[in-house]
Protein backbone atom coordinates (compact mmCIF):
# COMPACT_ATOMS: atom_id res chain seq x y z
CA UNK A 1 -131.21 91.52 -54.05
CA UNK A 2 -131.42 87.88 -52.87
CA UNK A 3 -134.62 85.98 -53.60
CA UNK A 4 -137.30 86.53 -50.98
CA UNK A 5 -135.69 89.69 -49.59
CA UNK A 6 -137.27 93.14 -49.68
CA UNK A 7 -136.06 96.70 -49.17
CA UNK A 8 -137.88 98.67 -46.47
CA UNK A 9 -137.54 101.74 -44.33
CA UNK A 10 -136.72 100.83 -40.75
CA UNK A 11 -139.91 102.54 -39.53
CA UNK A 12 -141.97 100.09 -41.62
CA UNK A 13 -140.83 97.16 -39.49
CA UNK A 14 -139.89 98.78 -36.18
CA UNK A 15 -140.72 101.72 -33.95
CA UNK A 16 -137.90 104.25 -33.63
CA UNK A 17 -138.08 106.58 -30.63
CA UNK A 18 -135.74 109.08 -29.02
CA UNK A 19 -135.44 108.90 -25.24
CA UNK A 20 -136.77 111.43 -22.72
CA UNK A 21 -134.87 114.67 -22.30
CA UNK A 22 -133.19 115.33 -18.97
CA UNK A 23 -134.50 118.24 -16.95
CA UNK A 24 -133.55 119.55 -13.49
CA UNK A 25 -137.19 119.23 -12.37
CA UNK A 26 -136.97 115.47 -12.93
CA UNK A 27 -133.83 114.93 -10.86
CA UNK A 28 -136.10 114.23 -7.90
CA UNK A 29 -139.69 113.11 -7.58
CA UNK A 30 -142.09 110.47 -6.32
CA UNK A 31 -141.70 108.18 -9.35
CA UNK A 32 -137.95 107.78 -9.72
CA UNK A 33 -137.04 105.15 -12.28
CA UNK A 34 -133.74 103.86 -13.69
CA UNK A 35 -132.82 104.99 -17.18
CA UNK A 36 -130.13 104.21 -19.72
CA UNK A 37 -127.97 106.84 -21.41
CA UNK A 38 -125.22 106.71 -24.03
CA UNK A 39 -122.56 105.92 -21.43
CA UNK A 40 -124.34 102.62 -20.72
CA UNK A 41 -123.93 101.34 -24.30
CA UNK A 42 -120.68 99.62 -25.23
CA UNK A 43 -119.57 97.83 -28.38
CA UNK A 44 -119.58 94.62 -26.35
CA UNK A 45 -123.07 95.15 -24.91
CA UNK A 46 -124.60 97.12 -22.06
CA UNK A 47 -122.62 98.51 -19.13
CA UNK A 48 -124.98 98.61 -16.17
CA UNK A 49 -122.60 99.44 -13.33
CA UNK A 50 -123.63 103.12 -13.40
CA UNK A 51 -127.35 103.42 -14.08
CA UNK A 52 -128.89 106.70 -12.96
CA UNK A 53 -132.42 107.57 -11.81
CA UNK A 54 -134.88 110.17 -13.08
CA UNK A 55 -138.52 110.92 -12.35
CA UNK A 56 -140.88 109.44 -14.97
CA UNK A 57 -144.66 109.67 -14.57
CA UNK A 58 -146.62 106.53 -15.41
CA UNK A 59 -147.62 108.00 -18.78
CA UNK A 60 -144.00 108.89 -19.55
CA UNK A 61 -142.80 105.46 -18.48
CA UNK A 62 -145.31 103.84 -20.85
CA UNK A 63 -143.63 105.74 -23.68
CA UNK A 64 -139.97 105.40 -22.72
CA UNK A 65 -139.87 102.05 -20.89
CA UNK A 66 -137.64 99.33 -22.33
CA UNK A 67 -138.90 95.85 -23.18
CA UNK A 68 -136.82 92.70 -23.77
CA UNK A 69 -135.72 92.67 -27.40
CA UNK A 70 -135.51 96.45 -27.71
CA UNK A 71 -132.35 97.79 -29.32
CA UNK A 72 -130.76 100.98 -27.99
CA UNK A 73 -128.36 103.05 -30.08
CA UNK A 74 -126.20 106.05 -29.22
CA UNK A 75 -127.96 108.97 -30.89
CA UNK A 76 -124.90 111.21 -30.94
CA UNK A 77 -121.24 111.33 -30.06
CA UNK A 78 -118.24 113.59 -30.32
CA UNK A 79 -116.40 110.59 -31.76
CA UNK A 80 -117.44 109.77 -35.31
CA UNK A 81 -117.03 106.02 -34.84
CA UNK A 82 -119.46 105.93 -31.91
CA UNK A 83 -122.60 107.24 -33.64
CA UNK A 84 -125.29 104.56 -33.78
CA UNK A 85 -123.42 102.10 -31.55
CA UNK A 86 -126.11 99.52 -30.64
CA UNK A 87 -126.88 97.04 -27.87
CA UNK A 88 -129.88 94.83 -27.13
CA UNK A 89 -131.98 95.04 -23.98
CA UNK A 90 -132.85 91.74 -22.31
CA UNK A 91 -134.81 93.03 -19.32
CA UNK A 92 -131.78 93.30 -17.05
CA UNK A 93 -133.35 96.03 -14.85
CA UNK A 94 -137.05 96.23 -14.03
CA UNK A 95 -139.00 99.29 -15.18
CA UNK A 96 -136.01 100.86 -16.95
CA UNK A 97 -136.46 103.77 -19.38
CA UNK A 98 -134.23 105.65 -21.84
CA UNK A 99 -132.89 109.18 -21.98
CA UNK A 100 -132.49 111.25 -25.14
CA UNK A 101 -128.86 110.37 -25.78
CA UNK A 102 -130.25 107.02 -26.93
CA UNK A 103 -132.59 105.87 -29.66
CA UNK A 104 -134.82 102.85 -29.12
CA UNK A 105 -135.66 100.46 -31.96
CA UNK A 106 -138.57 98.12 -31.18
CA UNK A 107 -139.21 95.40 -33.74
CA UNK A 108 -142.73 94.87 -35.08
CA UNK A 109 -141.84 91.49 -36.56
CA UNK A 110 -138.21 91.02 -37.62
CA UNK A 111 -135.90 89.02 -35.39
CA UNK A 112 -134.51 91.58 -32.87
CA UNK A 113 -131.00 90.15 -32.95
CA UNK A 114 -131.03 90.39 -36.74
CA UNK A 115 -131.76 94.11 -36.42
CA UNK A 116 -129.03 94.37 -33.75
CA UNK A 117 -126.39 92.88 -36.05
CA UNK A 118 -127.64 94.93 -39.01
CA UNK A 119 -127.47 98.21 -37.09
CA UNK A 120 -124.08 97.28 -35.67
CA UNK A 121 -122.81 96.70 -39.21
CA UNK A 122 -124.13 100.08 -40.34
CA UNK A 123 -122.36 101.76 -37.41
CA UNK A 124 -119.09 99.89 -37.93
CA UNK A 125 -118.88 100.68 -41.63
CA UNK A 126 -119.45 104.38 -40.92
CA UNK A 127 -122.82 104.68 -42.64
CA UNK A 128 -124.43 106.53 -39.74
CA UNK A 129 -121.69 109.13 -39.47
CA UNK A 130 -121.94 109.82 -43.22
CA UNK A 131 -125.55 110.86 -42.71
CA UNK A 132 -125.20 112.54 -39.32
CA UNK A 133 -125.64 116.23 -38.60
CA UNK A 134 -124.02 118.63 -36.17
CA UNK A 135 -120.61 120.18 -35.59
CA UNK A 136 -118.42 118.70 -32.87
CA UNK A 137 -121.22 116.38 -31.73
CA UNK A 138 -122.52 114.13 -34.52
CA UNK A 139 -126.27 113.29 -34.38
CA UNK A 140 -128.11 110.59 -36.31
CA UNK A 141 -131.61 111.61 -35.11
CA UNK A 142 -134.80 109.59 -34.78
CA UNK A 143 -136.31 110.73 -38.09
CA UNK A 144 -133.17 109.88 -40.05
CA UNK A 145 -132.88 106.45 -38.45
CA UNK A 146 -136.59 105.76 -38.98
CA UNK A 147 -136.21 106.41 -42.71
CA UNK A 148 -133.07 104.24 -42.96
CA UNK A 149 -133.30 101.76 -45.84
CA UNK A 150 -132.55 98.16 -44.93
CA UNK A 151 -132.63 94.87 -46.79
CA UNK A 152 -134.95 92.46 -45.01
CA UNK A 153 -134.69 88.69 -45.62
CA UNK A 154 -137.42 86.15 -44.85
CA UNK A 155 -137.95 85.67 -41.11
CA UNK A 156 -136.65 82.09 -41.19
CA UNK A 157 -133.51 83.25 -42.98
CA UNK A 158 -133.08 86.07 -40.46
CA UNK A 159 -132.90 83.43 -37.73
CA UNK A 160 -130.38 81.37 -39.70
CA UNK A 161 -128.27 84.49 -40.25
CA UNK A 162 -128.37 85.33 -36.53
CA UNK A 163 -127.35 81.80 -35.58
CA UNK A 164 -124.46 81.86 -38.07
CA UNK A 165 -123.24 85.31 -37.00
CA UNK A 166 -123.46 84.43 -33.30
CA UNK A 167 -121.54 81.21 -33.87
CA UNK A 168 -118.75 82.82 -35.86
CA UNK A 169 -118.48 85.83 -33.55
CA UNK A 170 -118.36 83.70 -30.41
CA UNK A 171 -115.26 81.94 -31.76
CA UNK A 172 -113.76 85.21 -32.98
CA UNK A 173 -114.42 86.88 -29.63
CA UNK A 174 -112.76 84.00 -27.80
CA UNK A 175 -109.64 84.47 -29.92
CA UNK A 176 -109.66 88.23 -29.39
CA UNK A 177 -110.05 87.76 -25.62
CA UNK A 178 -106.97 85.54 -25.65
CA UNK A 179 -105.04 88.19 -27.58
CA UNK A 180 -106.12 90.88 -25.13
CA UNK A 181 -105.01 88.82 -22.13
CA UNK A 182 -101.60 88.31 -23.70
CA UNK A 183 -101.42 92.00 -24.59
CA UNK A 184 -102.08 92.99 -20.98
CA UNK A 185 -99.35 90.62 -19.78
CA UNK A 186 -96.86 92.08 -22.26
CA UNK A 187 -97.72 95.64 -21.27
CA UNK A 188 -97.21 94.65 -17.65
CA UNK A 189 -93.84 93.15 -18.55
CA UNK A 190 -92.85 96.33 -20.40
CA UNK A 191 -93.78 98.42 -17.39
CA UNK A 192 -91.78 96.20 -15.05
CA UNK A 193 -88.71 96.30 -17.31
CA UNK A 194 -88.77 100.10 -17.37
CA UNK A 195 -89.23 100.45 -13.62
CA UNK A 196 -86.54 97.92 -12.78
CA UNK A 197 -84.08 99.45 -15.26
CA UNK A 198 -83.81 102.64 -13.20
CA UNK A 199 -83.53 101.83 -9.48
CA UNK A 200 -84.08 104.71 -7.09
CA UNK A 201 -81.26 103.95 -4.72
CA UNK A 202 -77.70 105.18 -4.18
CA UNK A 203 -75.68 102.40 -5.80
CA UNK A 204 -71.92 102.72 -5.99
CA UNK A 205 -71.06 105.71 -8.15
CA UNK A 206 -74.70 106.80 -8.43
CA UNK A 207 -76.13 110.12 -7.30
CA UNK A 208 -79.76 111.11 -6.89
CA UNK A 209 -80.41 114.72 -7.83
CA UNK A 210 -83.54 116.55 -8.92
CA UNK A 211 -84.63 117.05 -12.52
CA UNK A 212 -83.65 120.71 -12.16
CA UNK A 213 -80.12 119.72 -11.16
CA UNK A 214 -79.80 117.19 -13.99
CA UNK A 215 -80.59 119.62 -16.78
CA UNK A 216 -82.62 122.60 -17.90
CA UNK A 217 -86.44 122.65 -17.91
CA UNK A 218 -88.55 124.98 -20.06
CA UNK A 219 -92.26 125.31 -20.75
CA UNK A 220 -93.23 125.89 -24.38
CA UNK A 221 -94.72 129.00 -25.90
CA UNK A 222 -98.36 129.78 -25.29
CA UNK A 223 -100.66 129.76 -28.31
CA UNK A 224 -102.56 132.92 -29.19
CA UNK A 225 -104.98 133.79 -32.02
CA UNK A 226 -102.81 136.79 -32.96
CA UNK A 227 -100.01 134.40 -33.88
CA UNK A 228 -102.00 132.11 -36.18
CA UNK A 229 -100.72 134.16 -39.11
CA UNK A 230 -97.67 136.34 -39.59
CA UNK A 231 -94.46 136.89 -41.50
CA UNK A 232 -92.42 134.35 -39.49
CA UNK A 233 -94.50 131.17 -39.61
CA UNK A 234 -92.69 128.20 -38.06
CA UNK A 235 -93.73 124.62 -37.27
CA UNK A 236 -94.26 123.65 -33.66
CA UNK A 237 -94.94 120.46 -31.72
CA UNK A 238 -97.80 120.12 -29.25
CA UNK A 239 -99.09 117.43 -26.93
CA UNK A 240 -100.87 115.66 -29.82
CA UNK A 241 -97.48 115.04 -31.45
CA UNK A 242 -95.68 113.51 -28.47
CA UNK A 243 -96.19 109.84 -27.63
CA UNK A 244 -94.05 107.53 -25.53
CA UNK A 245 -90.63 107.36 -27.21
CA UNK A 246 -92.17 108.63 -30.46
CA UNK A 247 -92.89 111.96 -32.11
CA UNK A 248 -95.75 111.90 -34.62
CA UNK A 249 -95.11 114.37 -37.45
CA UNK A 250 -98.30 113.66 -39.42
CA UNK A 251 -100.05 116.79 -38.11
CA UNK A 252 -97.55 119.52 -37.32
CA UNK A 253 -99.07 122.99 -37.06
CA UNK A 254 -97.49 126.42 -37.57
CA UNK A 255 -97.45 129.68 -35.64
CA UNK A 256 -95.80 133.06 -36.04
CA UNK A 257 -92.44 133.08 -34.25
CA UNK A 258 -90.33 136.24 -34.52
CA UNK A 259 -86.64 135.21 -34.84
CA UNK A 260 -85.71 135.97 -31.22
CA UNK A 261 -88.76 134.13 -29.89
CA UNK A 262 -88.10 131.15 -32.15
CA UNK A 263 -84.56 130.80 -30.86
CA UNK A 264 -85.92 130.57 -27.32
CA UNK A 265 -88.33 127.75 -28.16
CA UNK A 266 -86.40 125.99 -30.94
CA UNK A 267 -85.75 122.30 -30.30
CA UNK A 268 -82.28 120.79 -30.53
CA UNK A 269 -81.52 117.10 -31.13
CA UNK A 270 -81.35 115.43 -27.73
CA UNK A 271 -84.10 117.52 -26.15
CA UNK A 272 -86.74 115.51 -24.27
CA UNK A 273 -90.37 116.60 -24.65
CA UNK A 274 -92.93 115.62 -22.00
CA UNK A 275 -96.71 116.05 -21.93
CA UNK A 276 -97.55 118.85 -19.50
CA UNK A 277 -101.30 118.17 -19.61
CA UNK A 278 -102.76 114.69 -20.02
CA UNK A 279 -104.91 112.04 -18.40
CA UNK A 280 -103.21 111.11 -15.09
CA UNK A 281 -101.81 107.78 -16.27
CA UNK A 282 -100.15 109.42 -19.31
CA UNK A 283 -98.92 112.55 -17.57
CA UNK A 284 -95.29 113.28 -18.43
CA UNK A 285 -95.32 110.98 -21.46
CA UNK A 286 -91.83 111.54 -22.94
CA UNK A 287 -90.19 111.40 -26.34
CA UNK A 288 -86.68 112.26 -27.53
CA UNK A 289 -86.39 114.85 -30.29
CA UNK A 290 -83.91 113.45 -32.82
CA UNK A 291 -83.95 116.31 -35.32
CA UNK A 292 -87.18 115.47 -37.18
CA UNK A 293 -88.91 117.65 -38.13
CA UNK A 294 -86.11 120.18 -38.52
CA UNK A 295 -86.30 123.77 -37.27
CA UNK A 296 -89.29 123.23 -35.03
CA UNK A 297 -90.47 124.84 -31.77
CA UNK A 298 -92.89 123.65 -29.07
CA UNK A 299 -95.94 124.99 -27.22
CA UNK A 300 -96.85 125.20 -23.55
CA UNK A 301 -98.69 121.88 -23.64
CA UNK A 302 -95.17 120.41 -23.46
CA UNK A 303 -92.20 120.59 -21.13
CA UNK A 304 -88.66 120.48 -22.52
CA UNK A 305 -85.75 118.89 -20.69
CA UNK A 306 -82.25 119.62 -21.99
CA UNK A 307 -79.71 117.33 -20.33
CA UNK A 308 -76.55 118.57 -18.66
CA UNK A 309 -73.19 117.20 -19.92
CA UNK A 310 -73.15 114.44 -17.29
CA UNK A 311 -76.51 113.05 -18.46
CA UNK A 312 -76.96 111.11 -21.68
CA UNK A 313 -80.27 112.15 -23.35
CA UNK A 314 -81.18 108.49 -23.89
CA UNK A 315 -80.71 107.92 -20.15
CA UNK A 316 -82.94 110.90 -19.40
CA UNK A 317 -85.62 109.43 -21.67
CA UNK A 318 -85.38 106.10 -19.83
CA UNK A 319 -85.68 107.83 -16.44
CA UNK A 320 -88.78 109.74 -17.54
CA UNK A 321 -90.39 106.64 -19.03
CA UNK A 322 -89.70 104.88 -15.74
CA UNK A 323 -91.34 107.73 -13.79
CA UNK A 324 -94.41 107.74 -16.03
CA UNK A 325 -95.02 104.00 -15.71
CA UNK A 326 -94.32 104.04 -11.97
CA UNK A 327 -96.89 106.80 -11.46
CA UNK A 328 -94.26 109.21 -10.18
CA UNK A 329 -95.44 112.09 -12.35
CA UNK A 330 -99.10 111.52 -11.50
CA UNK A 331 -98.25 111.94 -7.81
CA UNK A 332 -97.29 115.55 -8.63
CA UNK A 333 -100.54 116.21 -10.41
CA UNK A 334 -102.98 119.08 -10.28
CA UNK A 335 -106.24 118.48 -12.15
CA UNK A 336 -108.34 121.04 -14.02
CA UNK A 337 -111.45 120.02 -15.99
CA UNK A 338 -110.46 116.33 -15.98
CA UNK A 339 -106.99 117.09 -17.38
CA UNK A 340 -103.98 116.45 -15.16
CA UNK A 341 -101.14 118.97 -15.30
CA UNK A 342 -97.47 118.59 -14.42
CA UNK A 343 -96.23 122.07 -13.66
CA UNK A 344 -92.67 123.06 -14.42
CA UNK A 345 -91.91 123.64 -10.74
CA UNK A 346 -93.23 120.24 -9.67
CA UNK A 347 -91.41 118.52 -12.52
CA UNK A 348 -88.14 120.16 -11.51
CA UNK A 349 -88.43 118.75 -7.98
CA UNK A 350 -88.78 115.10 -9.10
CA UNK A 351 -85.81 112.88 -8.26
CA UNK A 352 -83.37 112.01 -11.04
CA UNK A 353 -80.80 109.21 -10.52
CA UNK A 354 -77.45 109.67 -12.27
CA UNK A 355 -74.97 106.80 -12.61
CA UNK A 356 -71.65 107.26 -14.43
CA UNK A 357 -72.06 108.00 -18.15
CA UNK A 358 -70.66 104.61 -19.19
CA UNK A 359 -73.16 102.83 -16.98
CA UNK A 360 -76.00 105.02 -18.25
CA UNK A 361 -75.29 103.89 -21.80
CA UNK A 362 -74.93 100.23 -20.79
CA UNK A 363 -78.29 100.25 -19.01
CA UNK A 364 -79.96 102.01 -21.94
CA UNK A 365 -78.59 99.45 -24.44
CA UNK A 366 -79.55 96.48 -22.27
CA UNK A 367 -83.06 97.78 -21.61
CA UNK A 368 -83.57 98.69 -25.26
CA UNK A 369 -82.74 95.14 -26.32
CA UNK A 370 -85.21 93.67 -23.82
CA UNK A 371 -87.94 96.11 -24.74
CA UNK A 372 -87.52 95.49 -28.46
CA UNK A 373 -88.45 91.83 -27.97
CA UNK A 374 -91.55 92.79 -26.02
CA UNK A 375 -92.51 95.39 -28.63
CA UNK A 376 -92.23 92.80 -31.42
CA UNK A 377 -94.70 90.56 -29.59
CA UNK A 378 -97.02 93.50 -28.90
CA UNK A 379 -96.89 94.40 -32.60
CA UNK A 380 -97.83 90.85 -33.59
CA UNK A 381 -100.82 90.92 -31.25
CA UNK A 382 -101.94 94.30 -32.57
CA UNK A 383 -101.81 92.92 -36.11
CA UNK A 384 -103.95 90.01 -34.95
CA UNK A 385 -106.50 92.42 -33.49
CA UNK A 386 -106.68 94.38 -36.75
CA UNK A 387 -107.16 91.15 -38.69
CA UNK A 388 -109.96 90.18 -36.30
CA UNK A 389 -111.67 93.53 -36.84
CA UNK A 390 -111.43 93.08 -40.62
CA UNK A 391 -112.81 89.56 -40.32
CA UNK A 392 -115.73 90.83 -38.25
CA UNK A 393 -116.57 93.46 -40.86
CA UNK A 394 -116.27 90.92 -43.68
CA UNK A 395 -118.53 88.47 -41.85
CA UNK A 396 -121.27 91.07 -41.38
CA UNK A 397 -120.94 92.26 -44.98
CA UNK A 398 -121.44 88.71 -46.24
CA UNK A 399 -124.42 88.22 -43.93
CA UNK A 400 -126.31 91.30 -45.13
CA UNK A 401 -125.52 90.63 -48.77
CA UNK A 402 -127.26 87.25 -48.46
CA UNK A 403 -124.09 85.19 -48.84
CA UNK A 404 -123.54 83.86 -45.30
CA UNK A 405 -126.30 81.24 -45.22
CA UNK A 406 -128.18 79.54 -48.08
CA UNK A 407 -131.60 80.77 -49.18
CA UNK A 408 -134.51 78.36 -48.84
CA UNK A 409 -137.23 78.70 -51.52
CA UNK A 410 -139.75 77.36 -48.98
CA UNK A 411 -139.22 80.36 -46.68
CA UNK A 412 -142.08 82.82 -46.46
CA UNK A 413 -140.88 85.89 -48.44
CA UNK A 414 -140.09 89.01 -46.49
CA UNK A 415 -142.79 90.83 -48.48
CA UNK A 416 -145.43 88.68 -46.76
CA UNK A 417 -143.94 89.47 -43.36
CA UNK A 418 -144.06 93.15 -44.29
CA UNK A 419 -147.70 92.88 -45.41
CA UNK A 420 -148.62 91.17 -42.15
CA UNK A 421 -146.87 93.89 -40.12
CA UNK A 422 -148.73 96.59 -42.04
CA UNK A 423 -152.06 94.86 -41.47
CA UNK A 424 -151.42 94.38 -37.76
CA UNK A 425 -150.37 98.00 -37.32
CA UNK A 426 -153.40 99.25 -39.28
CA UNK A 427 -155.68 97.18 -37.05
CA UNK A 428 -154.22 98.73 -33.91
CA UNK A 429 -154.71 102.33 -35.06
CA UNK A 430 -157.82 103.61 -33.23
CA UNK A 431 -160.59 105.21 -35.24
CA UNK A 432 -160.64 109.00 -35.27
CA UNK A 433 -162.88 110.36 -32.52
CA UNK A 434 -163.34 113.63 -30.72
CA UNK A 435 -160.88 113.85 -27.86
CA UNK A 436 -162.20 114.75 -24.44
CA UNK A 437 -160.72 117.89 -22.98
CA UNK A 438 -159.63 115.81 -19.97
CA UNK A 439 -157.75 113.22 -22.05
CA UNK A 440 -154.00 113.82 -21.68
CA UNK A 441 -152.11 114.41 -24.88
CA UNK A 442 -149.51 111.90 -25.94
CA UNK A 443 -146.09 113.10 -24.92
CA UNK A 444 -144.00 113.95 -27.99
CA UNK A 445 -140.43 112.78 -28.34
CA UNK A 446 -138.31 115.69 -27.07
CA UNK A 447 -135.55 117.37 -29.06
CA UNK A 448 -132.07 116.00 -28.72
CA UNK A 449 -129.94 117.83 -26.23
CA UNK A 450 -126.41 116.91 -25.24
CA UNK A 451 -125.32 117.19 -21.64
CA UNK A 452 -121.84 116.85 -20.28
CA UNK A 453 -121.81 113.38 -18.73
CA UNK A 454 -124.01 111.66 -21.25
CA UNK A 455 -121.35 110.57 -23.70
CA UNK A 456 -118.50 108.13 -23.25
CA UNK A 457 -116.05 107.42 -26.10
CA UNK A 458 -115.11 103.87 -26.71
CA UNK A 459 -112.79 102.18 -29.01
CA UNK A 460 -114.22 100.15 -31.82
CA UNK A 461 -114.59 96.44 -31.18
CA UNK A 462 -112.40 93.80 -32.67
């Protein structure tokens, strides 16, 4: 441990509180106040474009109100990497409270931004998820966070660490922003190349048919618990395996397929698989099956297109990629529980341009060459983003190991700061006295409860 530092539980230097539980009775009332929930906390700060209201009495608001310098963390998430994701409150909205999908950390003495960076580092390195509880939804909990052990440097060193981190991260963030802008331009270029490669017009020698006329369309086999085991287990592909122009074989599952059933759903090289159910912008995401993995079937989360003799499978793939990026499939959508579906009948009715076979292959080759250059640039940018993420993690690791800024022997040790905090807190604890029957009880922190719209998954920052 660096000189002057001390190891403490978070609750020794900060108050940790879970937000107020939502309840239908508080959806309306005479004291409606804004409140933050997990969806308002992003890796890059707070997102305040969708702040909801709930009724808080004055006593409740005194408990759950945010103050400038408070840190809010996501208490739970269905995504492991999101548990404990923190942001700092700077008083952006007057009289704002918190709901129980968030934890509030209120410093009793340490520099708030030091605690922000420290908690962010713990979340990024996966420490919170290692100690979370719950199945499906991972919870960190107020008690667990309150008992979290942290290394606390002298207050003056905390401020030097914050200044150094902020300086380094501002430059890193500027570089990442530049990479993201270039990435968006390249993705736009890729989209334009795909759309322009397949014109929807009757050029000389071209015909425009429907998908049904250009080949055969089948929906995959439905999954059923009775088929999870059996004497004819076979691998199958599902929507999680099919990406744009790529089949991921890292997680291929098996199901019981009697021989006759397997023959019906067996894939042949040249078959095109498309996502039947997806988010609207990815609906119909296609990939060409090229024989790997061998002897594999597919489920009803996918559509299969088998080209007729006058259609090259690579041309069919290009047409379907064009339709996905142009939003053609999403215009045929039906949505159930936030998932868009492309039914077999609607897919069959989508237009399908067919030039002569020679021209199909020429267009495919020309477009492939252009796209490969774009993909190389996209790959370089993605590598840069991964390097930036690694640099961010390394920077924070150095900071909280005491190696980012020099120690100053003249700094007041953290142990003295801790002693002062303890003395101040002891002085504020009222003496025990008999409570009047009319004195309202302090409202306890409610149990954590997850509700449907409270959680929003985000990607980790760079």
